[in-house]
């Protein structure tokens, strides 16, 4: 639970219903805010806002693709752990994730993992 971000809310320029989320991210200085809801985090002044607060907004699919390209072995290891927890095999776990993360799933499957 993040607290102390309320004074930042009025400074946020993304969609009003999600300003508290951006304010919390800025307050704790997250480098990347992951959301499936990119449209509410589009900013009217893209050059000044992200540079000022140093928060990049990314879709989880794009973020995981980036992680996979940077360290495929670690991502495969984590996917195997997910499969084990779900009591399924690796390929089925990746296909399941593909429902929400299609590019990531395709990239992992396409790599021959």
PDB file of N, CA and C in Angstrom:
ATOM      1  N   UNK A   1       0.843  -1.166   0.000  1.00  0.00           N
ATOM      2  CA  UNK A   1       0.000   0.000   0.000  1.00  0.00           C
ATOM      3  C   UNK A   1       0.897   1.241   0.000  1.00  0.00           C
ATOM      4  N   UNK A   2       0.685   2.107  -0.944  1.00  0.00           N
ATOM      5  CA  UNK A   2       1.487   3.325  -1.061  1.00  0.00           C
ATOM      6  C   UNK A   2       0.732   4.479  -0.424  1.00  0.00           C
ATOM      7  N   UNK A   3       1.432   5.236   0.377  1.00  0.00           N
ATOM      8  CA  UNK A   3       0.839   6.425   1.000  1.00  0.00           C
ATOM      9  C   UNK A   3       1.753   7.612   0.751  1.00  0.00           C
ATOM     10  N   UNK A   4       1.245   8.802   0.963  1.00  0.00           N
ATOM     11  CA  UNK A   4       2.046  10.009   0.829  1.00  0.00           C
ATOM     12  C   UNK A   4       2.053  10.598  -0.565  1.00  0.00           C
ATOM     13  N   UNK A   5       1.287  10.021  -1.480  1.00  0.00           N
ATOM     14  CA  UNK A   5       1.278  10.492  -2.863  1.00  0.00           C
ATOM     15  C   UNK A   5       0.154  11.481  -3.162  1.00  0.00           C
ATOM     16  N   UNK A   6      -0.740  11.680  -2.229  1.00  0.00           N
ATOM     17  CA  UNK A   6      -1.905  12.555  -2.462  1.00  0.00           C
ATOM     18  C   UNK A   6      -1.537  13.958  -2.958  1.00  0.00           C
ATOM     19  N   UNK A   7      -0.495  14.608  -2.428  1.00  0.00           N
ATOM     20  CA  UNK A   7      -0.168  15.955  -2.922  1.00  0.00           C
ATOM     21  C   UNK A   7       0.240  15.980  -4.404  1.00  0.00           C
ATOM     22  N   UNK A   8       0.667  14.839  -4.941  1.00  0.00           N
ATOM     23  CA  UNK A   8       1.080  14.777  -6.344  1.00  0.00           C
ATOM     24  C   UNK A   8      -0.091  14.615  -7.311  1.00  0.00           C
ATOM     25  N   UNK A   9      -1.222  14.143  -6.829  1.00  0.00           N
ATOM     26  CA  UNK A   9      -2.354  13.845  -7.713  1.00  0.00           C
ATOM     27  C   UNK A   9      -2.738  15.038  -8.592  1.00  0.00           C
ATOM     28  N   UNK A  10      -2.853  16.261  -8.047  1.00  0.00           N
ATOM     29  CA  UNK A  10      -3.237  17.381  -8.907  1.00  0.00           C
ATOM     30  C   UNK A  10      -2.209  17.716  -9.997  1.00  0.00           C
ATOM     31  N   UNK A  11      -0.979  17.260  -9.841  1.00  0.00           N
ATOM     32  CA  UNK A  11       0.068  17.532 -10.831  1.00  0.00           C
ATOM     33  C   UNK A  11       0.021  16.577 -12.018  1.00  0.00           C
ATOM     34  N   UNK A  12      -0.695  15.473 -11.880  1.00  0.00           N
ATOM     35  CA  UNK A  12      -0.743  14.467 -12.925  1.00  0.00           C
ATOM     36  C   UNK A  12      -1.646  14.936 -14.056  1.00  0.00           C
ATOM     37  N   UNK A  13      -1.256  14.600 -15.281  1.00  0.00           N
ATOM     38  CA  UNK A  13      -2.010  15.061 -16.448  1.00  0.00           C
ATOM     39  C   UNK A  13      -2.648  13.914 -17.230  1.00  0.00           C
ATOM     40  N   UNK A  14      -2.538  12.697 -16.730  1.00  0.00           N
ATOM     41  CA  UNK A  14      -3.197  11.579 -17.397  1.00  0.00           C
ATOM     42  C   UNK A  14      -4.691  11.601 -17.047  1.00  0.00           C
ATOM     43  N   UNK A  15      -5.433  10.595 -17.450  1.00  0.00           N
ATOM     44  CA  UNK A  15      -6.880  10.557 -17.218  1.00  0.00           C
ATOM     45  C   UNK A  15      -7.171  10.756 -15.725  1.00  0.00           C
ATOM     46  N   UNK A  16      -8.143  11.605 -15.400  1.00  0.00           N
ATOM     47  CA  UNK A  16      -8.432  11.906 -13.988  1.00  0.00           C
ATOM     48  C   UNK A  16      -8.677  10.684 -13.103  1.00  0.00           C
ATOM     49  N   UNK A  17      -9.336   9.654 -13.617  1.00  0.00           N
ATOM     50  CA  UNK A  17      -9.634   8.497 -12.761  1.00  0.00           C
ATOM     51  C   UNK A  17      -8.387   7.667 -12.426  1.00  0.00           C
ATOM     52  N   UNK A  18      -7.294   7.895 -13.143  1.00  0.00           N
ATOM     53  CA  UNK A  18      -6.066   7.143 -12.885  1.00  0.00           C
ATOM     54  C   UNK A  18      -4.912   8.014 -12.395  1.00  0.00           C
ATOM     55  N   UNK A  19      -5.194   9.224 -12.066  1.00  0.00           N
ATOM     56  CA  UNK A  19      -4.112  10.112 -11.601  1.00  0.00           C
ATOM     57  C   UNK A  19      -3.511   9.648 -10.289  1.00  0.00           C
ATOM     58  N   UNK A  20      -4.314   9.041  -9.444  1.00  0.00           N
ATOM     59  CA  UNK A  20      -3.778   8.539  -8.174  1.00  0.00           C
ATOM     60  C   UNK A  20      -2.753   7.418  -8.422  1.00  0.00           C
ATOM     61  N   UNK A  21      -2.959   6.642  -9.473  1.00  0.00           N
ATOM     62  CA  UNK A  21      -2.025   5.561  -9.802  1.00  0.00           C
ATOM     63  C   UNK A  21      -0.689   6.148 -10.249  1.00  0.00           C
ATOM     64  N   UNK A  22      -0.745   7.130 -11.147  1.00  0.00           N
ATOM     65  CA  UNK A  22       0.484   7.767 -11.618  1.00  0.00           C
ATOM     66  C   UNK A  22       1.179   8.503 -10.478  1.00  0.00           C
ATOM     67  N   UNK A  23       0.403   9.162  -9.636  1.00  0.00           N
ATOM     68  CA  UNK A  23       0.994   9.878  -8.499  1.00  0.00           C
ATOM     69  C   UNK A  23       1.720   8.911  -7.570  1.00  0.00           C
ATOM     70  N   UNK A  24       1.132   7.760  -7.324  1.00  0.00           N
ATOM     71  CA  UNK A  24       1.778   6.757  -6.470  1.00  0.00           C
ATOM     72  C   UNK A  24       3.069   6.257  -7.120  1.00  0.00           C
ATOM     73  N   UNK A  25       3.037   6.029  -8.442  1.00  0.00           N
ATOM     74  CA  UNK A  25       4.236   5.572  -9.153  1.00  0.00           C
ATOM     75  C   UNK A  25       5.349   6.614  -9.080  1.00  0.00           C
ATOM     76  N   UNK A  26       4.980   7.867  -9.263  1.00  0.00           N
ATOM     77  CA  UNK A  26       5.955   8.958  -9.188  1.00  0.00           C
ATOM     78  C   UNK A  26       6.509   9.062  -7.771  1.00  0.00           C
ATOM     79  N   UNK A  27       5.630   8.964  -6.790  1.00  0.00           N
ATOM     80  CA  UNK A  27       6.028   9.118  -5.387  1.00  0.00           C
ATOM     81  C   UNK A  27       7.085   8.085  -4.978  1.00  0.00           C
ATOM     82  N   UNK A  28       6.914   6.843  -5.421  1.00  0.00           N
ATOM     83  CA  UNK A  28       7.876   5.805  -5.036  1.00  0.00           C
ATOM     84  C   UNK A  28       8.968   5.610  -6.085  1.00  0.00           C
ATOM     85  N   UNK A  29       8.928   6.462  -7.115  1.00  0.00           N
ATOM     86  CA  UNK A  29       9.963   6.491  -8.156  1.00  0.00           C
ATOM     87  C   UNK A  29      10.114   5.162  -8.900  1.00  0.00           C
ATOM     88  N   UNK A  30       8.998   4.601  -9.337  1.00  0.00           N
ATOM     89  CA  UNK A  30       9.094   3.390 -10.151  1.00  0.00           C
ATOM     90  C   UNK A  30       9.615   3.776 -11.526  1.00  0.00           C
ATOM     91  N   UNK A  31      10.479   2.975 -12.102  1.00  0.00           N
ATOM     92  CA  UNK A  31      10.969   3.306 -13.443  1.00  0.00           C
ATOM     93  C   UNK A  31       9.940   2.990 -14.530  1.00  0.00           C
ATOM     94  N   UNK A  32       9.112   1.942 -14.285  1.00  0.00           N
ATOM     95  CA  UNK A  32       8.132   1.515 -15.280  1.00  0.00           C
ATOM     96  C   UNK A  32       6.810   1.225 -14.586  1.00  0.00           C
ATOM     97  N   UNK A  33       5.759   1.785 -15.134  1.00  0.00           N
ATOM     98  CA  UNK A  33       4.400   1.502 -14.667  1.00  0.00           C
ATOM     99  C   UNK A  33       3.768   0.598 -15.712  1.00  0.00           C
ATOM    100  N   UNK A  34       3.404  -0.620 -15.317  1.00  0.00           N
ATOM    101  CA  UNK A  34       2.797  -1.571 -16.243  1.00  0.00           C
ATOM    102  C   UNK A  34       1.283  -1.490 -16.140  1.00  0.00           C
ATOM    103  N   UNK A  35       0.634  -1.375 -17.296  1.00  0.00           N
ATOM    104  CA  UNK A  35      -0.824  -1.329 -17.320  1.00  0.00           C
ATOM    105  C   UNK A  35      -1.344  -1.807 -18.661  1.00  0.00           C
ATOM    106  N   UNK A  36      -2.463  -2.523 -18.615  1.00  0.00           N
ATOM    107  CA  UNK A  36      -3.159  -2.896 -19.843  1.00  0.00           C
ATOM    108  C   UNK A  36      -3.953  -1.708 -20.366  1.00  0.00           C
ATOM    109  N   UNK A  37      -4.133  -0.702 -19.526  1.00  0.00           N
ATOM    110  CA  UNK A  37      -4.967   0.454 -19.830  1.00  0.00           C
ATOM    111  C   UNK A  37      -4.119   1.646 -20.279  1.00  0.00           C
ATOM    112  N   UNK A  38      -3.431   1.512 -21.387  1.00  0.00           N
ATOM    113  CA  UNK A  38      -2.533   2.573 -21.846  1.00  0.00           C
ATOM    114  C   UNK A  38      -3.271   3.867 -22.190  1.00  0.00           C
ATOM    115  N   UNK A  39      -4.493   3.763 -22.667  1.00  0.00           N
ATOM    116  CA  UNK A  39      -5.196   4.974 -23.124  1.00  0.00           C
ATOM    117  C   UNK A  39      -5.396   5.984 -21.992  1.00  0.00           C
ATOM    118  N   UNK A  40      -5.583   5.525 -20.772  1.00  0.00           N
ATOM    119  CA  UNK A  40      -5.771   6.458 -19.666  1.00  0.00           C
ATOM    120  C   UNK A  40      -4.461   7.011 -19.123  1.00  0.00           C
ATOM    121  N   UNK A  41      -3.352   6.528 -19.666  1.00  0.00           N
ATOM    122  CA  UNK A  41      -2.050   7.034 -19.241  1.00  0.00           C
ATOM    123  C   UNK A  41      -1.352   7.796 -20.357  1.00  0.00           C
ATOM    124  N   UNK A  42      -2.060   8.017 -21.460  1.00  0.00           N
ATOM    125  CA  UNK A  42      -1.514   8.875 -22.523  1.00  0.00           C
ATOM    126  C   UNK A  42      -1.466  10.294 -21.978  1.00  0.00           C
ATOM    127  N   UNK A  43      -0.405  10.965 -22.271  1.00  0.00           N
ATOM    128  CA  UNK A  43      -0.179  12.266 -21.672  1.00  0.00           C
ATOM    129  C   UNK A  43      -0.262  13.371 -22.711  1.00  0.00           C
ATOM    130  N   UNK A  44      -0.860  14.505 -22.345  1.00  0.00           N
ATOM    131  CA  UNK A  44      -0.977  15.601 -23.312  1.00  0.00           C
ATOM    132  C   UNK A  44       0.361  16.212 -23.708  1.00  0.00           C
ATOM    133  N   UNK A  45       1.330  16.164 -22.819  1.00  0.00           N
ATOM    134  CA  UNK A  45       2.655  16.731 -23.096  1.00  0.00           C
ATOM    135  C   UNK A  45       3.704  15.639 -22.902  1.00  0.00           C
ATOM    136  N   UNK A  46       3.834  14.737 -23.854  1.00  0.00           N
ATOM    137  CA  UNK A  46       4.698  13.572 -23.646  1.00  0.00           C
ATOM    138  C   UNK A  46       6.165  13.891 -23.421  1.00  0.00           C
ATOM    139  N   UNK A  47       6.638  15.038 -23.897  1.00  0.00           N
ATOM    140  CA  UNK A  47       8.066  15.320 -23.724  1.00  0.00           C
ATOM    141  C   UNK A  47       8.394  15.787 -22.311  1.00  0.00           C
ATOM    142  N   UNK A  48       7.547  16.610 -21.724  1.00  0.00           N
ATOM    143  CA  UNK A  48       7.884  17.158 -20.418  1.00  0.00           C
ATOM    144  C   UNK A  48       7.481  16.233 -19.276  1.00  0.00           C
ATOM    145  N   UNK A  49       6.336  15.607 -19.377  1.00  0.00           N
ATOM    146  CA  UNK A  49       5.821  14.823 -18.259  1.00  0.00           C
ATOM    147  C   UNK A  49       6.682  13.617 -17.893  1.00  0.00           C
ATOM    148  N   UNK A  50       6.957  12.703 -18.825  1.00  0.00           N
ATOM    149  CA  UNK A  50       7.777  11.561 -18.433  1.00  0.00           C
ATOM    150  C   UNK A  50       9.186  11.961 -18.010  1.00  0.00           C
ATOM    151  N   UNK A  51       9.773  12.960 -18.687  1.00  0.00           N
ATOM    152  CA  UNK A  51      11.120  13.385 -18.310  1.00  0.00           C
ATOM    153  C   UNK A  51      11.131  13.971 -16.898  1.00  0.00           C
ATOM    154  N   UNK A  52      10.089  14.706 -16.580  1.00  0.00           N
ATOM    155  CA  UNK A  52      10.021  15.341 -15.270  1.00  0.00           C
ATOM    156  C   UNK A  52       9.939  14.308 -14.156  1.00  0.00           C
ATOM    157  N   UNK A  53       9.109  13.299 -14.350  1.00  0.00           N
ATOM    158  CA  UNK A  53       8.870  12.334 -13.277  1.00  0.00           C
ATOM    159  C   UNK A  53       9.600  11.008 -13.455  1.00  0.00           C
ATOM    160  N   UNK A  54      10.218  10.778 -14.611  1.00  0.00           N
ATOM    161  CA  UNK A  54      11.015   9.571 -14.846  1.00  0.00           C
ATOM    162  C   UNK A  54      10.211   8.272 -14.718  1.00  0.00           C
ATOM    163  N   UNK A  55       8.954   8.272 -15.126  1.00  0.00           N
ATOM    164  CA  UNK A  55       8.132   7.068 -15.113  1.00  0.00           C
ATOM    165  C   UNK A  55       7.756   6.735 -16.552  1.00  0.00           C
ATOM    166  N   UNK A  56       8.105   5.541 -16.972  1.00  0.00           N
ATOM    167  CA  UNK A  56       7.725   5.085 -18.307  1.00  0.00           C
ATOM    168  C   UNK A  56       6.489   4.201 -18.151  1.00  0.00           C
ATOM    169  N   UNK A  57       5.504   4.412 -18.999  1.00  0.00           N
ATOM    170  CA  UNK A  57       4.282   3.612 -18.977  1.00  0.00           C
ATOM    171  C   UNK A  57       4.367   2.599 -20.110  1.00  0.00           C
ATOM    172  N   UNK A  58       4.192   1.312 -19.768  1.00  0.00           N
ATOM    173  CA  UNK A  58       4.306   0.249 -20.768  1.00  0.00           C
ATOM    174  C   UNK A  58       3.189  -0.768 -20.601  1.00  0.00           C
ATOM    175  N   UNK A  59       2.808  -1.360 -21.708  1.00  0.00           N
ATOM    176  CA  UNK A  59       1.885  -2.484 -21.687  1.00  0.00           C
ATOM    177  C   UNK A  59       2.675  -3.705 -21.201  1.00  0.00           C
ATOM    178  N   UNK A  60       2.077  -4.565 -20.379  1.00  0.00           N
ATOM    179  CA  UNK A  60       2.804  -5.744 -19.896  1.00  0.00           C
ATOM    180  C   UNK A  60       3.350  -6.626 -21.012  1.00  0.00           C
ATOM    181  N   UNK A  61       2.643  -6.719 -22.140  1.00  0.00           N
ATOM    182  CA  UNK A  61       3.105  -7.527 -23.261  1.00  0.00           C
ATOM    183  C   UNK A  61       4.427  -6.984 -23.808  1.00  0.00           C
ATOM    184  N   UNK A  62       4.502  -5.688 -24.011  1.00  0.00           N
ATOM    185  CA  UNK A  62       5.735  -5.062 -24.512  1.00  0.00           C
ATOM    186  C   UNK A  62       6.867  -5.193 -23.490  1.00  0.00           C
ATOM    187  N   UNK A  63       6.540  -5.008 -22.217  1.00  0.00           N
ATOM    188  CA  UNK A  63       7.549  -5.098 -21.161  1.00  0.00           C
ATOM    189  C   UNK A  63       8.146  -6.508 -21.094  1.00  0.00           C
ATOM    190  N   UNK A  64       7.288  -7.520 -21.124  1.00  0.00           N
ATOM    191  CA  UNK A  64       7.788  -8.886 -21.033  1.00  0.00           C
ATOM    192  C   UNK A  64       8.582  -9.287 -22.277  1.00  0.00           C
ATOM    193  N   UNK A  65       8.186  -8.782 -23.432  1.00  0.00           N
ATOM    194  CA  UNK A  65       8.992  -9.031 -24.641  1.00  0.00           C
ATOM    195  C   UNK A  65      10.385  -8.438 -24.463  1.00  0.00           C
ATOM    196  N   UNK A  66      10.448  -7.249 -23.931  1.00  0.00           N
ATOM    197  CA  UNK A  66      11.739  -6.602 -23.688  1.00  0.00           C
ATOM    198  C   UNK A  66      12.569  -7.414 -22.694  1.00  0.00           C
ATOM    199  N   UNK A  67      11.941  -7.869 -21.624  1.00  0.00           N
ATOM    200  CA  UNK A  67      12.645  -8.686 -20.633  1.00  0.00           C
ATOM    201  C   UNK A  67      13.171  -9.972 -21.258  1.00  0.00           C
ATOM    202  N   UNK A  68      12.338 -10.596 -22.098  1.00  0.00           N
ATOM    203  CA  UNK A  68      12.738 -11.854 -22.739  1.00  0.00           C
ATOM    204  C   UNK A  68      13.934 -11.645 -23.659  1.00  0.00           C
ATOM    205  N   UNK A  69      13.934 -10.547 -24.397  1.00  0.00           N
ATOM    206  CA  UNK A  69      15.068 -10.272 -25.296  1.00  0.00           C
ATOM    207  C   UNK A  69      16.345 -10.000 -24.503  1.00  0.00           C
ATOM    208  N   UNK A  70      16.206  -9.379 -23.342  1.00  0.00           N
ATOM    209  CA  UNK A  70      17.382  -9.042 -22.532  1.00  0.00           C
ATOM    210  C   UNK A  70      17.941 -10.247 -21.786  1.00  0.00           C
ATOM    211  N   UNK A  71      17.056 -11.130 -21.318  1.00  0.00           N
ATOM    212  CA  UNK A  71      17.532 -12.256 -20.525  1.00  0.00           C
ATOM    213  C   UNK A  71      16.600 -13.457 -20.708  1.00  0.00           C
ATOM    214  N   UNK A  72      16.667 -14.106 -21.868  1.00  0.00           N
ATOM    215  CA  UNK A  72      15.734 -15.204 -22.141  1.00  0.00           C
ATOM    216  C   UNK A  72      15.840 -16.370 -21.151  1.00  0.00           C
ATOM    217  N   UNK A  73      17.035 -16.651 -20.671  1.00  0.00           N
ATOM    218  CA  UNK A  73      17.195 -17.772 -19.738  1.00  0.00           C
ATOM    219  C   UNK A  73      16.441 -17.522 -18.439  1.00  0.00           C
ATOM    220  N   UNK A  74      16.551 -16.320 -17.908  1.00  0.00           N
ATOM    221  CA  UNK A  74      15.857 -15.994 -16.668  1.00  0.00           C
ATOM    222  C   UNK A  74      14.344 -16.021 -16.861  1.00  0.00           C
ATOM    223  N   UNK A  75      13.871 -15.476 -17.975  1.00  0.00           N
ATOM    224  CA  UNK A  75      12.430 -15.475 -18.233  1.00  0.00           C
ATOM    225  C   UNK A  75      11.932 -16.906 -18.390  1.00  0.00           C
ATOM    226  N   UNK A  76      12.666 -17.745 -19.093  1.00  0.00           N
ATOM    227  CA  UNK A  76      12.265 -19.157 -19.229  1.00  0.00           C
ATOM    228  C   UNK A  76      12.202 -19.835 -17.862  1.00  0.00           C
ATOM    229  N   UNK A  77      13.186 -19.552 -17.014  1.00  0.00           N
ATOM    230  CA  UNK A  77      13.198 -20.119 -15.669  1.00  0.00           C
ATOM    231  C   UNK A  77      11.931 -19.721 -14.912  1.00  0.00           C
ATOM    232  N   UNK A  78      11.576 -18.441 -14.974  1.00  0.00           N
ATOM    233  CA  UNK A  78      10.369 -17.955 -14.287  1.00  0.00           C
ATOM    234  C   UNK A  78       9.114 -18.591 -14.877  1.00  0.00           C
ATOM    235  N   UNK A  79       9.093 -18.776 -16.198  1.00  0.00           N
ATOM    236  CA  UNK A  79       7.937 -19.418 -16.831  1.00  0.00           C
ATOM    237  C   UNK A  79       7.819 -20.884 -16.398  1.00  0.00           C
ATOM    238  N   UNK A  80       8.947 -21.558 -16.242  1.00  0.00           N
ATOM    239  CA  UNK A  80       8.920 -22.932 -15.728  1.00  0.00           C
ATOM    240  C   UNK A  80       8.375 -22.955 -14.303  1.00  0.00           C
ATOM    241  N   UNK A  81       8.746 -21.970 -13.498  1.00  0.00           N
ATOM    242  CA  UNK A  81       8.225 -21.885 -12.134  1.00  0.00           C
ATOM    243  C   UNK A  81       6.713 -21.676 -12.138  1.00  0.00           C
ATOM    244  N   UNK A  82       6.234 -20.817 -13.043  1.00  0.00           N
ATOM    245  CA  UNK A  82       4.787 -20.590 -13.170  1.00  0.00           C
ATOM    246  C   UNK A  82       4.096 -21.891 -13.567  1.00  0.00           C
ATOM    247  N   UNK A  83       4.654 -22.585 -14.533  1.00  0.00           N
ATOM    248  CA  UNK A  83       4.068 -23.850 -14.978  1.00  0.00           C
ATOM    249  C   UNK A  83       4.001 -24.857 -13.833  1.00  0.00           C
ATOM    250  N   UNK A  84       5.055 -24.937 -13.050  1.00  0.00           N
ATOM    251  CA  UNK A  84       5.087 -25.863 -11.916  1.00  0.00           C
ATOM    252  C   UNK A  84       4.001 -25.509 -10.902  1.00  0.00           C
ATOM    253  N   UNK A  85       3.879 -24.219 -10.581  1.00  0.00           N
ATOM    254  CA  UNK A  85       2.839 -23.793  -9.624  1.00  0.00           C
ATOM    255  C   UNK A  85       1.444 -24.089 -10.147  1.00  0.00           C
ATOM    256  N   UNK A  86       1.255 -23.952 -11.457  1.00  0.00           N
ATOM    257  CA  UNK A  86      -0.057 -24.199 -12.070  1.00  0.00           C
ATOM    258  C   UNK A  86      -0.292 -25.686 -12.356  1.00  0.00           C
ATOM    259  N   UNK A  87       0.737 -26.488 -12.045  1.00  0.00           N
ATOM    260  CA  UNK A  87       0.664 -27.928 -12.293  1.00  0.00           C
ATOM    261  C   UNK A  87       0.349 -28.223 -13.765  1.00  0.00           C
ATOM    262  N   UNK A  88       1.093 -27.570 -14.626  1.00  0.00           N
ATOM    263  CA  UNK A  88       0.953 -27.761 -16.072  1.00  0.00           C
ATOM    264  C   UNK A  88       2.340 -27.772 -16.688  1.00  0.00           C
ATOM    265  N   UNK A  89       2.410 -28.006 -17.972  1.00  0.00           N
ATOM    266  CA  UNK A  89       3.722 -27.983 -18.614  1.00  0.00           C
ATOM    267  C   UNK A  89       4.045 -26.566 -19.115  1.00  0.00           C
ATOM    268  N   UNK A  90       5.281 -26.410 -19.491  1.00  0.00           N
ATOM    269  CA  UNK A  90       5.795 -25.106 -19.910  1.00  0.00           C
ATOM    270  C   UNK A  90       4.985 -24.533 -21.068  1.00  0.00           C
ATOM    271  N   UNK A  91       4.793 -25.325 -22.118  1.00  0.00           N
ATOM    272  CA  UNK A  91       4.100 -24.835 -23.322  1.00  0.00           C
ATOM    273  C   UNK A  91       2.674 -24.395 -22.995  1.00  0.00           C
ATOM    274  N   UNK A  92       1.998 -25.169 -22.170  1.00  0.00           N
ATOM    275  CA  UNK A  92       0.620 -24.805 -21.807  1.00  0.00           C
ATOM    276  C   UNK A  92       0.598 -23.515 -20.993  1.00  0.00           C
ATOM    277  N   UNK A  93       1.550 -23.326 -20.100  1.00  0.00           N
ATOM    278  CA  UNK A  93       1.618 -22.087 -19.307  1.00  0.00           C
ATOM    279  C   UNK A  93       1.841 -20.891 -20.221  1.00  0.00           C
ATOM    280  N   UNK A  94       2.714 -21.041 -21.205  1.00  0.00           N
ATOM    281  CA  UNK A  94       2.989 -19.942 -22.137  1.00  0.00           C
ATOM    282  C   UNK A  94       1.762 -19.659 -23.003  1.00  0.00           C
ATOM    283  N   UNK A  95       1.090 -20.705 -23.463  1.00  0.00           N
ATOM    284  CA  UNK A  95      -0.144 -20.507 -24.249  1.00  0.00           C
ATOM    285  C   UNK A  95      -1.217 -19.803 -23.416  1.00  0.00           C
ATOM    286  N   UNK A  96      -1.339 -20.171 -22.157  1.00  0.00           N
ATOM    287  CA  UNK A  96      -2.313 -19.535 -21.271  1.00  0.00           C
ATOM    288  C   UNK A  96      -2.000 -18.040 -21.129  1.00  0.00           C
ATOM    289  N   UNK A  97      -0.739 -17.714 -20.922  1.00  0.00           N
ATOM    290  CA  UNK A  97      -0.345 -16.303 -20.821  1.00  0.00           C
ATOM    291  C   UNK A  97      -0.614 -15.568 -22.124  1.00  0.00           C
ATOM    292  N   UNK A  98      -0.579 -16.290 -23.222  1.00  0.00           N
ATOM    293  CA  UNK A  98      -0.813 -15.692 -24.536  1.00  0.00           C
ATOM    294  C   UNK A  98      -2.190 -15.085 -24.697  1.00  0.00           C
ATOM    295  N   UNK A  99      -3.139 -15.462 -23.853  1.00  0.00           N
ATOM    296  CA  UNK A  99      -4.476 -14.864 -23.914  1.00  0.00           C
ATOM    297  C   UNK A  99      -4.412 -13.364 -23.632  1.00  0.00           C
ATOM    298  N   UNK A 100      -3.581 -12.985 -22.698  1.00  0.00           N
ATOM    299  CA  UNK A 100      -3.434 -11.569 -22.345  1.00  0.00           C
ATOM    300  C   UNK A 100      -2.150 -10.955 -22.896  1.00  0.00           C
ATOM    301  N   UNK A 101      -1.180 -11.811 -23.193  1.00  0.00           N
ATOM    302  CA  UNK A 101       0.147 -11.356 -23.616  1.00  0.00           C
ATOM    303  C   UNK A 101       0.546 -12.052 -24.918  1.00  0.00           C
ATOM    304  N   UNK A 102      -0.171 -11.785 -26.010  1.00  0.00           N
ATOM    305  CA  UNK A 102       0.047 -12.556 -27.241  1.00  0.00           C
ATOM    306  C   UNK A 102       1.434 -12.403 -27.856  1.00  0.00           C
ATOM    307  N   UNK A 103       1.975 -11.205 -27.891  1.00  0.00           N
ATOM    308  CA  UNK A 103       3.308 -11.014 -28.500  1.00  0.00           C
ATOM    309  C   UNK A 103       4.373 -11.738 -27.687  1.00  0.00           C
ATOM    310  N   UNK A 104       4.279 -11.629 -26.373  1.00  0.00           N
ATOM    311  CA  UNK A 104       5.235 -12.298 -25.491  1.00  0.00           C
ATOM    312  C   UNK A 104       5.166 -13.807 -25.687  1.00  0.00           C
ATOM    313  N   UNK A 105       3.967 -14.339 -25.672  1.00  0.00           N
ATOM    314  CA  UNK A 105       3.783 -15.770 -25.853  1.00  0.00           C
ATOM    315  C   UNK A 105       4.362 -16.231 -27.196  1.00  0.00           C
ATOM    316  N   UNK A 106       4.065 -15.500 -28.254  1.00  0.00           N
ATOM    317  CA  UNK A 106       4.586 -15.844 -29.585  1.00  0.00           C
ATOM    318  C   UNK A 106       6.103 -15.791 -29.618  1.00  0.00           C
ATOM    319  N   UNK A 107       6.665 -14.791 -28.945  1.00  0.00           N
ATOM    320  CA  UNK A 107       8.128 -14.660 -28.945  1.00  0.00           C
ATOM    321  C   UNK A 107       8.786 -15.837 -28.218  1.00  0.00           C
ATOM    322  N   UNK A 108       8.215 -16.222 -27.088  1.00  0.00           N
ATOM    323  CA  UNK A 108       8.774 -17.333 -26.318  1.00  0.00           C
ATOM    324  C   UNK A 108       8.635 -18.626 -27.116  1.00  0.00           C
ATOM    325  N   UNK A 109       7.443 -18.878 -27.637  1.00  0.00           N
ATOM    326  CA  UNK A 109       7.222 -20.096 -28.416  1.00  0.00           C
ATOM    327  C   UNK A 109       8.086 -20.103 -29.675  1.00  0.00           C
ATOM    328  N   UNK A 110       8.182 -18.961 -30.337  1.00  0.00           N
ATOM    329  CA  UNK A 110       8.982 -18.846 -31.551  1.00  0.00           C
ATOM    330  C   UNK A 110      10.478 -19.020 -31.325  1.00  0.00           C
ATOM    331  N   UNK A 111      10.918 -18.856 -30.087  1.00  0.00           N
ATOM    332  CA  UNK A 111      12.349 -18.997 -29.777  1.00  0.00           C
ATOM    333  C   UNK A 111      12.746 -20.453 -29.592  1.00  0.00           C
ATOM    334  N   UNK A 112      11.748 -21.326 -29.620  1.00  0.00           N
ATOM    335  CA  UNK A 112      12.053 -22.746 -29.425  1.00  0.00           C
ATOM    336  C   UNK A 112      12.201 -23.125 -27.967  1.00  0.00           C
ATOM    337  N   UNK A 113      11.674 -22.264 -27.093  1.00  0.00           N
ATOM    338  CA  UNK A 113      11.812 -22.539 -25.650  1.00  0.00           C
ATOM    339  C   UNK A 113      11.011 -23.737 -25.226  1.00  0.00           C
TER     340      UNK A 113
END
